[in-house]
Amino acid sequence: MIKNLSFKICIPLLGILGGISVNAQCNAVSSFSENFDAYSCCNIGVVPTCWDSVLLNGASQIISSTQPASGTSQIYQNGYGAGKISIVVMPPITNINAGTHQLKVKMKANSAGYLEFGYIKDNLPDTFVVLQPININNTSYNDAAAQRTFTVPTTVPDGMRLAIRNPGTSFAGHYWDDAVWEPIQNLGTHESDILSEIKVYPNPFSDIINISDVKDVKTVTISDAVGRVMKTIAQPETTLQVNDLQKGVYFVTLHFKNGTEKLFKVIKN
């Protein structure tokens, strides 16, 4: 058996030296569960085998032992200021855009924090695409808000990898633990087909957003690029009037009656 290999390289980005930890020879998996307990504090850029770490302009990412959600260790991301970006890249997965799985992870911060959930190509920081902003106001994993669940649009291209980015816009130290890529619970084959087929359009939009099928949708929330909820629509119709929204990027989340969610990134022009 060929073992997974890990090595670290440094590349210049915009004249500033950035570090990227790269894992090679890792086969894509259909699920994973990681509590980081096989790794110890406190070397910069340490992540599990088949995960990767991108650190730019003095940003910090380590394995931390400061009151993890479980066991002995967790991920810690820190850094504030222009270009101080850290990205933790998850292992390659075969079903990133199948619409059948979700990422569950526990998060906290030592003050008001902000991270971003998204995807990346080949660990190149400029290719990171935000799927969902993450505002973190809880300072303990014991808070109910610590448990986060993220769904992934079926429009994500093949070959992408899930990632969590600290863009350096918050002074906070961000902690997260117990990351699991798992099947969406109570999602039968028929429901999975429906979930994967639902579309939100047009994109970009002007005054209306259409939803292709709302019979199983309980509510719709529309958030801005930094996670503030701009609209909550109960029992939505197939056409939503959104002419009061300003131009920019928004996240439309469909909350289904069976407890699942589906998120779309849209742009108002």
C-alpha atoms as a PDB file:
ATOM      1  CA  MET A   1       0.000   0.000   0.000  1.00  0.00           C
ATOM      2  CA  ILE A   2       1.239   3.477  -0.844  1.00  0.00           C
ATOM      3  CA  LYS A   3       0.848   5.772   2.135  1.00  0.00           C
ATOM      4  CA  ASN A   4      -0.527   9.275   1.843  1.00  0.00           C
ATOM      5  CA  LEU A   5       2.318  11.731   1.501  1.00  0.00           C
ATOM      6  CA  SER A   6       2.369  15.227   2.957  1.00  0.00           C
ATOM      7  CA  PHE A   7       4.735  18.037   2.111  1.00  0.00           C
ATOM      8  CA  LYS A   8       4.773  21.808   2.474  1.00  0.00           C
ATOM      9  CA  ILE A   9       5.637  24.369  -0.138  1.00  0.00           C
ATOM     10  CA  CYS A  10       5.830  28.143  -0.147  1.00  0.00           C
ATOM     11  CA  ILE A  11       4.673  30.245  -3.047  1.00  0.00           C
ATOM     12  CA  PRO A  12       4.789  33.995  -3.670  1.00  0.00           C
ATOM     13  CA  LEU A  13       1.379  35.644  -3.829  1.00  0.00           C
ATOM     14  CA  LEU A  14       1.196  39.303  -4.784  1.00  0.00           C
ATOM     15  CA  GLY A  15       4.780  39.675  -3.622  1.00  0.00           C
ATOM     16  CA  ILE A  16       4.065  38.181  -0.184  1.00  0.00           C
ATOM     17  CA  LEU A  17       5.224  34.716   0.768  1.00  0.00           C
ATOM     18  CA  GLY A  18       2.399  32.336   1.563  1.00  0.00           C
ATOM     19  CA  GLY A  19       2.523  28.759   2.794  1.00  0.00           C
ATOM     20  CA  ILE A  20       0.444  25.877   1.474  1.00  0.00           C
ATOM     21  CA  SER A  21       0.486  22.437   3.039  1.00  0.00           C
ATOM     22  CA  VAL A  22      -0.215  19.883   0.312  1.00  0.00           C
ATOM     23  CA  ASN A  23      -1.205  16.226   0.702  1.00  0.00           C
ATOM     24  CA  ALA A  24      -0.531  13.962  -2.288  1.00  0.00           C
ATOM     25  CA  GLN A  25      -1.801  10.503  -3.311  1.00  0.00           C
ATOM     26  CA  CYS A  26      -5.084  10.747  -1.396  1.00  0.00           C
ATOM     27  CA  ASN A  27      -8.062   8.907  -2.816  1.00  0.00           C
ATOM     28  CA  ALA A  28     -11.405  10.716  -2.750  1.00  0.00           C
ATOM     29  CA  VAL A  29     -13.857   9.445  -0.118  1.00  0.00           C
ATOM     30  CA  SER A  30     -17.662   9.532   0.110  1.00  0.00           C
ATOM     31  CA  SER A  31     -17.752  10.431   3.817  1.00  0.00           C
ATOM     32  CA  PHE A  32     -15.408  11.376   6.631  1.00  0.00           C
ATOM     33  CA  SER A  33     -15.393  12.069  10.365  1.00  0.00           C
ATOM     34  CA  GLU A  34     -12.520  13.971  11.974  1.00  0.00           C
ATOM     35  CA  ASN A  35     -12.050  15.062  15.603  1.00  0.00           C
ATOM     36  CA  PHE A  36      -8.356  16.022  15.162  1.00  0.00           C
ATOM     37  CA  ASP A  37      -7.331  14.048  18.268  1.00  0.00           C
ATOM     38  CA  ALA A  38      -4.496  12.268  16.436  1.00  0.00           C
ATOM     39  CA  TYR A  39      -2.724  15.644  16.183  1.00  0.00           C
ATOM     40  CA  SER A  40      -1.258  17.816  18.922  1.00  0.00           C
ATOM     41  CA  CYS A  41      -0.648  21.492  19.578  1.00  0.00           C
ATOM     42  CA  CYS A  42       0.936  23.748  18.324  1.00  0.00           C
ATOM     43  CA  ASN A  43       2.898  23.734  15.037  1.00  0.00           C
ATOM     44  CA  ILE A  44       1.711  26.090  12.312  1.00  0.00           C
ATOM     45  CA  GLY A  45      -0.234  24.565   9.424  1.00  0.00           C
ATOM     46  CA  VAL A  46      -0.810  21.106  10.884  1.00  0.00           C
ATOM     47  CA  VAL A  47      -3.931  19.377   9.542  1.00  0.00           C
ATOM     48  CA  PRO A  48      -4.943  15.720   9.216  1.00  0.00           C
ATOM     49  CA  THR A  49      -3.596  13.540   6.437  1.00  0.00           C
ATOM     50  CA  CYS A  50      -5.413  14.290   3.157  1.00  0.00           C
ATOM     51  CA  TRP A  51      -6.452  17.704   4.455  1.00  0.00           C
ATOM     52  CA  ASP A  52      -4.531  20.858   3.466  1.00  0.00           C
ATOM     53  CA  SER A  53      -3.724  24.253   4.957  1.00  0.00           C
ATOM     54  CA  VAL A  54      -3.242  27.588   3.190  1.00  0.00           C
ATOM     55  CA  LEU A  55      -1.683  30.441   5.217  1.00  0.00           C
ATOM     56  CA  LEU A  56      -1.032  33.913   3.833  1.00  0.00           C
ATOM     57  CA  ASN A  57       0.607  37.048   5.213  1.00  0.00           C
ATOM     58  CA  GLY A  58       1.144  35.848   8.774  1.00  0.00           C
ATOM     59  CA  ALA A  59      -2.224  34.212   9.379  1.00  0.00           C
ATOM     60  CA  SER A  60      -2.205  31.380  11.901  1.00  0.00           C
ATOM     61  CA  GLN A  61      -3.727  27.909  11.801  1.00  0.00           C
ATOM     62  CA  ILE A  62      -2.749  25.283  14.329  1.00  0.00           C
ATOM     63  CA  ILE A  63      -4.051  22.281  16.199  1.00  0.00           C
ATOM     64  CA  SER A  64      -5.213  23.618  19.562  1.00  0.00           C
ATOM     65  CA  SER A  65      -5.932  21.854  22.855  1.00  0.00           C
ATOM     66  CA  THR A  66      -7.936  24.729  24.397  1.00  0.00           C
ATOM     67  CA  GLN A  67     -11.189  23.117  25.582  1.00  0.00           C
ATOM     68  CA  PRO A  68     -12.076  21.181  22.407  1.00  0.00           C
ATOM     69  CA  ALA A  69     -15.604  20.003  21.747  1.00  0.00           C
ATOM     70  CA  SER A  70     -14.478  16.410  22.269  1.00  0.00           C
ATOM     71  CA  GLY A  71     -11.254  14.587  22.983  1.00  0.00           C
ATOM     72  CA  THR A  72      -8.009  16.539  23.081  1.00  0.00           C
ATOM     73  CA  SER A  73      -7.672  18.636  19.920  1.00  0.00           C
ATOM     74  CA  GLN A  74      -9.382  20.974  17.456  1.00  0.00           C
ATOM     75  CA  ILE A  75      -8.640  23.377  14.601  1.00  0.00           C
ATOM     76  CA  TYR A  76      -7.702  26.976  15.485  1.00  0.00           C
ATOM     77  CA  GLN A  77      -7.659  29.805  12.901  1.00  0.00           C
ATOM     78  CA  ASN A  78      -6.506  33.324  13.715  1.00  0.00           C
ATOM     79  CA  GLY A  79      -5.269  36.459  11.975  1.00  0.00           C
ATOM     80  CA  TYR A  80      -6.584  39.979  11.461  1.00  0.00           C
ATOM     81  CA  GLY A  81      -5.651  42.408   8.731  1.00  0.00           C
ATOM     82  CA  ALA A  82      -5.430  42.830   4.981  1.00  0.00           C
ATOM     83  CA  GLY A  83      -4.412  39.591   3.304  1.00  0.00           C
ATOM     84  CA  LYS A  84      -4.106  37.589   6.547  1.00  0.00           C
ATOM     85  CA  ILE A  85      -6.013  34.606   5.242  1.00  0.00           C
ATOM     86  CA  SER A  86      -6.079  31.031   6.482  1.00  0.00           C
ATOM     87  CA  ILE A  87      -7.921  28.270   4.663  1.00  0.00           C
ATOM     88  CA  VAL A  88      -8.386  24.734   5.963  1.00  0.00           C
ATOM     89  CA  VAL A  89      -9.089  22.424   3.015  1.00  0.00           C
ATOM     90  CA  MET A  90     -10.973  19.178   3.631  1.00  0.00           C
ATOM     91  CA  PRO A  91     -10.135  15.859   1.973  1.00  0.00           C
ATOM     92  CA  PRO A  92     -11.239  15.135  -1.601  1.00  0.00           C
ATOM     93  CA  ILE A  93     -14.784  13.740  -1.705  1.00  0.00           C
ATOM     94  CA  THR A  94     -16.589  11.914  -4.486  1.00  0.00           C
ATOM     95  CA  ASN A  95     -20.061  13.348  -3.830  1.00  0.00           C
ATOM     96  CA  ILE A  96     -19.463  17.044  -3.230  1.00  0.00           C
ATOM     97  CA  ASN A  97     -22.323  18.052  -5.540  1.00  0.00           C
ATOM     98  CA  ALA A  98     -24.663  15.072  -5.160  1.00  0.00           C
ATOM     99  CA  GLY A  99     -27.125  16.952  -2.931  1.00  0.00           C
ATOM    100  CA  THR A 100     -27.260  13.956  -0.585  1.00  0.00           C
ATOM    101  CA  HIS A 101     -24.656  14.906   2.051  1.00  0.00           C
ATOM    102  CA  GLN A 102     -24.014  17.714   4.504  1.00  0.00           C
ATOM    103  CA  LEU A 103     -21.130  18.999   6.616  1.00  0.00           C
ATOM    104  CA  LYS A 104     -21.683  19.128  10.363  1.00  0.00           C
ATOM    105  CA  VAL A 105     -19.100  20.853  12.545  1.00  0.00           C
ATOM    106  CA  LYS A 106     -18.969  22.476  15.985  1.00  0.00           C
ATOM    107  CA  MET A 107     -17.649  26.042  16.158  1.00  0.00           C
ATOM    108  CA  LYS A 108     -16.813  28.695  18.735  1.00  0.00           C
ATOM    109  CA  ALA A 109     -14.763  31.898  18.946  1.00  0.00           C
ATOM    110  CA  ASN A 110     -13.164  33.827  21.796  1.00  0.00           C
ATOM    111  CA  SER A 111     -15.004  36.992  20.660  1.00  0.00           C
ATOM    112  CA  ALA A 112     -17.356  37.890  17.810  1.00  0.00           C
ATOM    113  CA  GLY A 113     -15.976  35.846  14.923  1.00  0.00           C
ATOM    114  CA  TYR A 114     -16.445  35.436  11.195  1.00  0.00           C
ATOM    115  CA  LEU A 115     -15.474  32.531   8.934  1.00  0.00           C
ATOM    116  CA  GLU A 116     -16.586  31.410   5.493  1.00  0.00           C
ATOM    117  CA  PHE A 117     -17.679  27.978   4.275  1.00  0.00           C
ATOM    118  CA  GLY A 118     -17.001  27.267   0.638  1.00  0.00           C
ATOM    119  CA  TYR A 119     -14.961  25.312  -1.874  1.00  0.00           C
ATOM    120  CA  ILE A 120     -11.550  25.623  -3.492  1.00  0.00           C
ATOM    121  CA  LYS A 121      -9.679  24.232  -6.501  1.00  0.00           C
ATOM    122  CA  ASP A 122      -6.193  22.740  -6.134  1.00  0.00           C
ATOM    123  CA  ASN A 123      -5.569  24.638  -2.845  1.00  0.00           C
ATOM    124  CA  LEU A 124      -5.170  27.880  -4.793  1.00  0.00           C
ATOM    125  CA  PRO A 125      -6.409  30.681  -2.505  1.00  0.00           C
ATOM    126  CA  ASP A 126      -7.699  32.844  -5.357  1.00  0.00           C
ATOM    127  CA  THR A 127     -10.102  30.059  -6.409  1.00  0.00           C
ATOM    128  CA  PHE A 128     -11.960  29.948  -3.078  1.00  0.00           C
ATOM    129  CA  VAL A 129     -15.722  30.459  -3.531  1.00  0.00           C
ATOM    130  CA  VAL A 130     -17.928  31.361  -0.558  1.00  0.00           C
ATOM    131  CA  LEU A 131     -21.009  29.186  -0.158  1.00  0.00           C
ATOM    132  CA  GLN A 132     -22.073  30.517   3.215  1.00  0.00           C
ATOM    133  CA  PRO A 133     -20.840  33.199   5.635  1.00  0.00           C
ATOM    134  CA  ILE A 134     -20.393  32.021   9.232  1.00  0.00           C
ATOM    135  CA  ASN A 135     -20.983  34.493  12.057  1.00  0.00           C
ATOM    136  CA  ILE A 136     -19.839  33.026  15.385  1.00  0.00           C
ATOM    137  CA  ASN A 137     -21.021  34.697  18.589  1.00  0.00           C
ATOM    138  CA  ASN A 138     -20.842  31.739  20.973  1.00  0.00           C
ATOM    139  CA  THR A 139     -17.679  31.367  23.063  1.00  0.00           C
ATOM    140  CA  SER A 140     -18.378  27.805  24.181  1.00  0.00           C
ATOM    141  CA  TYR A 141     -19.145  24.515  22.495  1.00  0.00           C
ATOM    142  CA  ASN A 142     -21.835  24.027  25.153  1.00  0.00           C
ATOM    143  CA  ASP A 143     -23.921  26.717  23.474  1.00  0.00           C
ATOM    144  CA  ALA A 144     -26.593  25.300  21.168  1.00  0.00           C
ATOM    145  CA  ALA A 145     -25.347  27.663  18.449  1.00  0.00           C
ATOM    146  CA  ALA A 146     -22.033  25.774  18.322  1.00  0.00           C
ATOM    147  CA  GLN A 147     -23.452  23.003  16.129  1.00  0.00           C
ATOM    148  CA  ARG A 148     -23.434  24.096  12.487  1.00  0.00           C
ATOM    149  CA  THR A 149     -24.774  22.251   9.459  1.00  0.00           C
ATOM    150  CA  PHE A 150     -23.848  23.210   5.904  1.00  0.00           C
ATOM    151  CA  THR A 151     -25.398  21.937   2.704  1.00  0.00           C
ATOM    152  CA  VAL A 152     -23.666  22.171  -0.655  1.00  0.00           C
ATOM    153  CA  PRO A 153     -25.363  23.222  -3.913  1.00  0.00           C
ATOM    154  CA  THR A 154     -25.455  20.674  -6.718  1.00  0.00           C
ATOM    155  CA  THR A 155     -23.955  23.379  -8.941  1.00  0.00           C
ATOM    156  CA  VAL A 156     -20.508  23.068  -7.331  1.00  0.00           C
ATOM    157  CA  PRO A 157     -18.144  21.821 -10.073  1.00  0.00           C
ATOM    158  CA  ASP A 158     -16.651  18.345  -9.915  1.00  0.00           C
ATOM    159  CA  GLY A 159     -13.163  18.166  -8.459  1.00  0.00           C
ATOM    160  CA  MET A 160     -13.642  20.976  -5.947  1.00  0.00           C
ATOM    161  CA  ARG A 161     -12.836  20.534  -2.237  1.00  0.00           C
ATOM    162  CA  LEU A 162     -14.755  21.868   0.740  1.00  0.00           C
ATOM    163  CA  ALA A 163     -12.907  24.448   2.816  1.00  0.00           C
ATOM    164  CA  ILE A 164     -13.302  26.858   5.722  1.00  0.00           C
ATOM    165  CA  ARG A 165     -11.631  30.248   5.351  1.00  0.00           C
ATOM    166  CA  ASN A 166     -10.753  32.937   7.863  1.00  0.00           C
ATOM    167  CA  PRO A 167     -10.567  36.058   5.644  1.00  0.00           C
ATOM    168  CA  GLY A 168      -8.885  38.103   8.367  1.00  0.00           C
ATOM    169  CA  THR A 169     -11.814  40.437   9.028  1.00  0.00           C
ATOM    170  CA  SER A 170     -12.287  39.561  12.705  1.00  0.00           C
ATOM    171  CA  PHE A 171      -9.931  39.904  15.677  1.00  0.00           C
ATOM    172  CA  ALA A 172     -11.336  36.641  17.053  1.00  0.00           C
ATOM    173  CA  GLY A 173      -9.599  33.337  17.458  1.00  0.00           C
ATOM    174  CA  HIS A 174     -11.818  30.741  15.769  1.00  0.00           C
ATOM    175  CA  TYR A 175     -12.069  27.128  16.936  1.00  0.00           C
ATOM    176  CA  TRP A 176     -13.847  24.207  15.289  1.00  0.00           C
ATOM    177  CA  ASP A 177     -14.060  20.489  15.982  1.00  0.00           C
ATOM    178  CA  ASP A 178     -15.862  17.233  15.144  1.00  0.00           C
ATOM    179  CA  ALA A 179     -16.179  17.786  11.387  1.00  0.00           C
ATOM    180  CA  VAL A 180     -18.375  15.164   9.692  1.00  0.00           C
ATOM    181  CA  TRP A 181     -19.376  14.787   6.034  1.00  0.00           C
ATOM    182  CA  GLU A 182     -22.471  12.622   6.302  1.00  0.00           C
ATOM    183  CA  PRO A 183     -25.689  11.694   4.494  1.00  0.00           C
ATOM    184  CA  ILE A 184     -28.556  14.109   5.076  1.00  0.00           C
ATOM    185  CA  GLN A 185     -30.725  12.425   7.668  1.00  0.00           C
ATOM    186  CA  ASN A 186     -34.202  11.144   6.763  1.00  0.00           C
ATOM    187  CA  LEU A 187     -33.550  11.773   3.102  1.00  0.00           C
ATOM    188  CA  GLY A 188     -34.964   8.938   1.002  1.00  0.00           C
ATOM    189  CA  THR A 189     -34.101   8.322  -2.626  1.00  0.00           C
ATOM    190  CA  HIS A 190     -37.183  10.142  -3.866  1.00  0.00           C
ATOM    191  CA  GLU A 191     -36.552  13.122  -1.588  1.00  0.00           C
ATOM    192  CA  SER A 192     -32.916  13.179  -2.663  1.00  0.00           C
ATOM    193  CA  ASP A 193     -33.967  13.384  -6.306  1.00  0.00           C
ATOM    194  CA  ILE A 194     -36.367  16.253  -5.536  1.00  0.00           C
ATOM    195  CA  LEU A 195     -33.734  18.120  -3.524  1.00  0.00           C
ATOM    196  CA  SER A 196     -31.133  17.849  -6.283  1.00  0.00           C
ATOM    197  CA  GLU A 197     -33.594  19.041  -8.948  1.00  0.00           C
ATOM    198  CA  ILE A 198     -34.857  22.203  -7.236  1.00  0.00           C
ATOM    199  CA  LYS A 199     -33.492  25.376  -8.796  1.00  0.00           C
ATOM    200  CA  VAL A 200     -33.428  29.051  -7.863  1.00  0.00           C
ATOM    201  CA  TYR A 201     -33.342  31.374 -10.870  1.00  0.00           C
ATOM    202  CA  PRO A 202     -32.559  33.695 -12.611  1.00  0.00           C
ATOM    203  CA  ASN A 203     -29.015  34.315 -11.449  1.00  0.00           C
ATOM    204  CA  PRO A 204     -28.173  37.153 -11.583  1.00  0.00           C
ATOM    205  CA  PHE A 205     -31.669  38.474 -10.715  1.00  0.00           C
ATOM    206  CA  SER A 206     -33.306  41.902 -10.684  1.00  0.00           C
ATOM    207  CA  ASP A 207     -36.687  42.167  -8.940  1.00  0.00           C
ATOM    208  CA  ILE A 208     -37.825  38.557  -8.536  1.00  0.00           C
ATOM    209  CA  ILE A 209     -36.400  35.164  -7.618  1.00  0.00           C
ATOM    210  CA  ASN A 210     -38.116  32.020  -8.858  1.00  0.00           C
ATOM    211  CA  ILE A 211     -38.072  28.652  -7.083  1.00  0.00           C
ATOM    212  CA  SER A 212     -38.769  25.704  -9.348  1.00  0.00           C
ATOM    213  CA  ASP A 213     -40.673  23.667  -6.722  1.00  0.00           C
ATOM    214  CA  VAL A 214     -41.908  24.888  -3.310  1.00  0.00           C
ATOM    215  CA  LYS A 215     -44.323  22.163  -2.240  1.00  0.00           C
ATOM    216  CA  ASP A 216     -41.854  20.759   0.313  1.00  0.00           C
ATOM    217  CA  VAL A 217     -40.321  24.129   1.288  1.00  0.00           C
ATOM    218  CA  LYS A 218     -41.320  25.414   4.735  1.00  0.00           C
ATOM    219  CA  THR A 219     -39.487  28.745   4.779  1.00  0.00           C
ATOM    220  CA  VAL A 220     -36.948  30.709   2.747  1.00  0.00           C
ATOM    221  CA  THR A 221     -34.286  32.958   4.251  1.00  0.00           C
ATOM    222  CA  ILE A 222     -32.232  35.460   2.278  1.00  0.00           C
ATOM    223  CA  SER A 223     -28.938  36.599   3.846  1.00  0.00           C
ATOM    224  CA  ASP A 224     -26.411  39.146   2.683  1.00  0.00           C
ATOM    225  CA  ALA A 225     -22.715  38.465   2.041  1.00  0.00           C
ATOM    226  CA  VAL A 226     -21.801  38.800   5.739  1.00  0.00           C
ATOM    227  CA  GLY A 227     -24.585  36.553   7.012  1.00  0.00           C
ATOM    228  CA  ARG A 228     -27.225  39.079   8.075  1.00  0.00           C
ATOM    229  CA  VAL A 229     -30.744  37.769   7.427  1.00  0.00           C
ATOM    230  CA  MET A 230     -32.495  40.259   5.149  1.00  0.00           C
ATOM    231  CA  LYS A 231     -35.733  38.352   4.587  1.00  0.00           C
ATOM    232  CA  THR A 232     -37.560  35.367   6.059  1.00  0.00           C
ATOM    233  CA  ILE A 233     -40.464  34.091   3.973  1.00  0.00           C
ATOM    234  CA  ALA A 234     -42.862  31.529   5.423  1.00  0.00           C
ATOM    235  CA  GLN A 235     -44.872  29.304   3.073  1.00  0.00           C
ATOM    236  CA  PRO A 236     -43.184  30.777  -0.006  1.00  0.00           C
ATOM    237  CA  GLU A 237     -44.682  30.955  -3.464  1.00  0.00           C
ATOM    238  CA  THR A 238     -42.704  29.987  -6.555  1.00  0.00           C
ATOM    239  CA  THR A 239     -42.025  33.686  -7.241  1.00  0.00           C
ATOM    240  CA  LEU A 240     -40.440  35.900  -4.565  1.00  0.00           C
ATOM    241  CA  GLN A 241     -40.540  39.690  -4.821  1.00  0.00           C
ATOM    242  CA  VAL A 242     -37.101  41.033  -3.867  1.00  0.00           C
ATOM    243  CA  ASN A 243     -37.045  44.449  -5.510  1.00  0.00           C
ATOM    244  CA  ASP A 244     -36.204  46.047  -2.128  1.00  0.00           C
ATOM    245  CA  LEU A 245     -32.793  44.333  -1.964  1.00  0.00           C
ATOM    246  CA  GLN A 246     -29.733  46.364  -2.891  1.00  0.00           C
ATOM    247  CA  LYS A 247     -27.311  45.226  -5.582  1.00  0.00           C
ATOM    248  CA  GLY A 248     -24.853  42.604  -4.332  1.00  0.00           C
ATOM    249  CA  VAL A 249     -24.309  38.984  -3.336  1.00  0.00           C
ATOM    250  CA  TYR A 250     -26.942  37.069  -1.363  1.00  0.00           C
ATOM    251  CA  PHE A 251     -27.472  33.553  -0.014  1.00  0.00           C
ATOM    252  CA  VAL A 252     -30.917  32.001  -0.469  1.00  0.00           C
ATOM    253  CA  THR A 253     -31.576  29.081   1.890  1.00  0.00           C
ATOM    254  CA  LEU A 254     -34.546  26.780   1.359  1.00  0.00           C
ATOM    255  CA  HIS A 255     -35.673  25.169   4.621  1.00  0.00           C
ATOM    256  CA  PHE A 256     -37.590  21.972   3.881  1.00  0.00           C
ATOM    257  CA  LYS A 257     -40.397  20.429   5.923  1.00  0.00           C
ATOM    258  CA  ASN A 258     -38.260  17.336   6.653  1.00  0.00           C
ATOM    259  CA  GLY A 259     -35.609  19.483   8.367  1.00  0.00           C
ATOM    260  CA  THR A 260     -33.074  19.603   5.523  1.00  0.00           C
ATOM    261  CA  GLU A 261     -31.801  22.758   3.850  1.00  0.00           C
ATOM    262  CA  LYS A 262     -30.468  23.759   0.458  1.00  0.00           C
ATOM    263  CA  LEU A 263     -28.420  26.911  -0.120  1.00  0.00           C
ATOM    264  CA  PHE A 264     -27.945  28.980  -3.274  1.00  0.00           C
ATOM    265  CA  LYS A 265     -25.551  31.867  -3.861  1.00  0.00           C
ATOM    266  CA  VAL A 266     -27.185  34.548  -6.030  1.00  0.00           C
ATOM    267  CA  ILE A 267     -26.325  38.021  -7.299  1.00  0.00           C
ATOM    268  CA  LYS A 268     -28.651  41.011  -7.678  1.00  0.00           C
ATOM    269  CA  ASN A 269     -27.696  43.301 -10.549  1.00  0.00           C
END
